[in-house]
Amino acid sequence: MKYKPVLIKGDITAQDADVIVNSANNRLTAGGGVSGAIHRVAGLGLTQECRKLGYCPTGEARITAGHNLLAKYVIHTVGPVFGQERGGEAEILKNCYVSSLRLAAEYGAKSIAFPCISTGIFGYPKDEAAKIAIWVVKSLDLPIEVRFVVSDDENYLLYSNLLASGNQQLRVG
């Protein structure tokens, strides 16, 4: 069964999904924004498990238990820093979503919640990142409910308009 993506304005740490995605740094340590919030709610167990994993290359994903979160798992993916990937940012960001979705499917997840990957401190333009996220989700045929969880009005409006427009505005280079 193919699900239509769902848009939620709220706190990703409060999602009762099989998987929530962490917009992580390469060392998988708690940062600011989404990563810091996930680590705070999940607790010390997540920090310790991430230390054991050690490192995640940009564009790839790693999985841990959800610890104190409602989610069973956390998938950590490292998005590109905009302007520092010699023009390869879009492909790397696509890989973040593809890697996360495939890893979720491998672990039998029926639902996954994504934040806006790379749009905070990593500086990816929000409209382009939203197009990539939606395009990847719509192009993969996986039986997983996908939730885009945003915390602000700007991203909610962006995702809402793109999801309502169908594929017309989703041209991704």
Protein backbone atom coordinates (compact mmCIF):
# COMPACT_ATOMS: atom_id res chain seq x y z
CA MET A 1 0.00 0.00 0.00
CA LYS A 2 1.41 3.37 -1.04
CA TYR A 3 0.74 6.21 1.41
CA LYS A 4 0.37 9.90 0.62
CA PRO A 5 2.80 12.05 2.60
CA VAL A 6 1.31 13.78 5.64
CA LEU A 7 2.26 17.27 6.84
CA ILE A 8 2.27 17.99 10.58
CA LYS A 9 3.11 21.23 12.36
CA GLY A 10 4.57 20.21 15.69
CA ASP A 11 7.39 18.65 17.64
CA ILE A 12 9.13 15.72 15.96
CA THR A 13 10.11 14.29 19.35
CA ALA A 14 6.40 13.85 20.16
CA GLN A 15 5.70 11.73 17.07
CA ASP A 16 4.36 8.27 17.75
CA ALA A 17 5.95 6.83 14.60
CA ASP A 18 8.06 3.71 14.20
CA VAL A 19 10.96 5.98 13.17
CA ILE A 20 11.84 9.61 13.58
CA VAL A 21 14.69 11.07 11.56
CA ASN A 22 17.42 13.14 13.16
CA SER A 23 19.08 15.81 11.07
CA ALA A 24 22.48 14.91 12.49
CA ASN A 25 26.09 15.98 12.31
CA ASN A 26 28.83 13.57 11.21
CA ARG A 27 29.82 12.69 14.79
CA LEU A 28 26.17 11.93 15.71
CA THR A 29 26.45 14.18 18.76
CA ALA A 30 23.70 16.39 20.10
CA GLY A 31 23.72 19.72 18.35
CA GLY A 32 21.24 22.53 18.27
CA GLY A 33 17.83 22.42 16.65
CA VAL A 34 16.29 19.05 15.82
CA SER A 35 19.34 17.03 16.86
CA GLY A 36 19.56 18.67 20.27
CA ALA A 37 15.83 18.22 20.89
CA ILE A 38 15.92 14.53 19.93
CA HIS A 39 18.94 13.86 22.13
CA ARG A 40 17.37 15.70 25.11
CA VAL A 41 14.12 13.75 24.94
CA ALA A 42 15.71 10.38 24.09
CA GLY A 43 18.16 10.64 26.97
CA LEU A 44 21.61 9.36 27.77
CA GLY A 45 21.00 5.97 26.13
CA LEU A 46 20.84 7.62 22.70
CA THR A 47 24.03 9.57 23.34
CA GLN A 48 25.84 6.39 24.37
CA GLU A 49 24.57 4.42 21.36
CA CYS A 50 25.61 7.22 19.01
CA ARG A 51 29.10 7.24 20.55
CA LYS A 52 29.40 3.54 19.73
CA LEU A 53 28.42 4.19 16.10
CA GLY A 54 30.95 7.00 16.03
CA TYR A 55 30.54 8.54 12.60
CA CYS A 56 28.10 8.89 9.72
CA PRO A 57 29.23 10.17 6.31
CA THR A 58 27.31 13.04 4.74
CA GLY A 59 24.34 11.76 2.72
CA GLU A 60 24.15 8.44 4.57
CA ALA A 61 22.03 7.21 7.48
CA ARG A 62 22.50 5.17 10.66
CA ILE A 63 19.86 3.73 12.99
CA THR A 64 19.60 3.54 16.77
CA ALA A 65 16.92 2.68 19.27
CA GLY A 66 14.46 5.43 20.22
CA HIS A 67 15.23 5.14 23.94
CA ASN A 68 12.88 7.58 25.79
CA LEU A 69 11.14 8.72 22.61
CA LEU A 70 7.75 7.40 21.49
CA ALA A 71 9.46 6.21 18.30
CA LYS A 72 10.98 2.74 18.29
CA TYR A 73 13.97 3.92 16.23
CA VAL A 74 15.89 7.07 15.37
CA ILE A 75 17.49 7.28 11.95
CA HIS A 76 20.37 9.75 11.93
CA THR A 77 21.18 11.27 8.56
CA VAL A 78 23.77 13.91 7.79
CA GLY A 79 22.67 16.50 5.28
CA PRO A 80 24.94 18.72 3.23
CA VAL A 81 26.18 22.11 4.36
CA PHE A 82 24.88 24.38 1.62
CA GLY A 83 27.65 25.87 -0.50
CA GLN A 84 30.35 23.45 0.70
CA GLU A 85 29.70 20.42 -1.52
CA ARG A 86 30.98 21.72 -4.90
CA GLY A 87 27.48 21.79 -6.36
CA GLY A 88 26.57 18.31 -5.14
CA GLU A 89 24.21 19.45 -2.38
CA ALA A 90 20.98 18.37 -4.08
CA GLU A 91 22.23 14.85 -4.74
CA ILE A 92 23.51 14.49 -1.19
CA LEU A 93 20.21 15.71 0.25
CA LYS A 94 18.32 13.23 -1.97
CA ASN A 95 20.59 10.49 -0.61
CA CYS A 96 19.66 11.46 2.96
CA TYR A 97 15.99 10.79 2.26
CA VAL A 98 16.57 7.67 0.16
CA SER A 99 19.00 6.17 2.72
CA SER A 100 16.62 6.93 5.58
CA LEU A 101 13.59 5.44 3.84
CA ARG A 102 15.43 2.31 2.79
CA LEU A 103 16.83 1.80 6.28
CA ALA A 104 13.36 2.27 7.78
CA ALA A 105 11.95 -0.31 5.37
CA GLU A 106 14.79 -2.71 6.19
CA TYR A 107 13.81 -2.48 9.87
CA GLY A 108 10.13 -3.08 9.11
CA ALA A 109 8.93 0.43 9.88
CA LYS A 110 5.38 1.30 8.90
CA SER A 111 5.74 5.02 9.67
CA ILE A 112 8.54 7.59 9.58
CA ALA A 113 8.68 11.26 10.56
CA PHE A 114 11.12 13.62 8.83
CA PRO A 115 12.28 17.06 9.94
CA CYS A 116 13.50 19.65 7.43
CA ILE A 117 16.97 18.22 6.81
CA SER A 118 19.86 20.70 6.34
CA THR A 119 17.72 23.85 6.44
CA GLY A 120 18.81 25.07 9.86
CA ILE A 121 22.45 25.78 10.64
CA PHE A 122 23.51 23.91 7.45
CA GLY A 123 21.86 26.69 5.41
CA TYR A 124 20.06 24.74 2.69
CA PRO A 125 17.37 26.93 1.05
CA LYS A 126 14.07 25.81 2.56
CA ASP A 127 12.06 25.78 -0.68
CA GLU A 128 14.61 23.66 -2.54
CA ALA A 129 15.02 21.27 0.39
CA ALA A 130 11.23 20.82 0.61
CA LYS A 131 11.01 20.04 -3.12
CA ILE A 132 13.72 17.41 -2.80
CA ALA A 133 12.13 15.82 0.27
CA ILE A 134 8.69 15.55 -1.33
CA TRP A 135 10.05 14.41 -4.69
CA VAL A 136 12.04 11.56 -3.11
CA VAL A 137 9.10 10.38 -1.00
CA LYS A 138 6.74 10.44 -3.98
CA SER A 139 9.23 8.72 -6.29
CA LEU A 140 9.99 5.75 -4.01
CA ASP A 141 7.40 3.00 -3.85
CA LEU A 142 7.69 2.01 -0.21
CA PRO A 143 4.77 0.98 2.00
CA ILE A 144 5.67 3.45 4.75
CA GLU A 145 3.57 6.32 6.04
CA VAL A 146 5.75 9.42 5.69
CA ARG A 147 5.19 12.46 7.89
CA PHE A 148 6.90 15.76 7.28
CA VAL A 149 7.04 17.37 10.71
CA VAL A 150 7.74 21.09 10.69
CA SER A 151 7.84 23.46 13.63
CA ASP A 152 7.31 26.84 11.98
CA ASP A 153 4.79 28.62 9.75
CA GLU A 154 7.23 29.22 6.89
CA ASN A 155 8.01 25.53 6.38
CA TYR A 156 4.39 24.54 6.95
CA LEU A 157 3.29 26.87 4.15
CA LEU A 158 6.09 25.68 1.82
CA TYR A 159 5.31 21.99 2.30
CA SER A 160 1.57 22.57 2.22
CA ASN A 161 1.75 24.38 -1.13
CA LEU A 162 4.12 21.82 -2.67
CA LEU A 163 2.05 18.85 -1.52
CA ALA A 164 -1.13 20.47 -2.85
CA SER A 165 0.43 21.31 -6.22
CA GLY A 166 1.14 17.71 -7.17
CA ASN A 167 4.30 17.19 -9.22
CA GLN A 168 4.25 20.45 -11.18
CA GLN A 169 6.63 22.27 -8.81
CA LEU A 170 8.79 19.29 -7.89
CA ARG A 171 11.36 19.43 -10.66
CA VAL A 172 14.61 18.48 -9.01
CA GLY A 173 17.98 18.78 -10.73
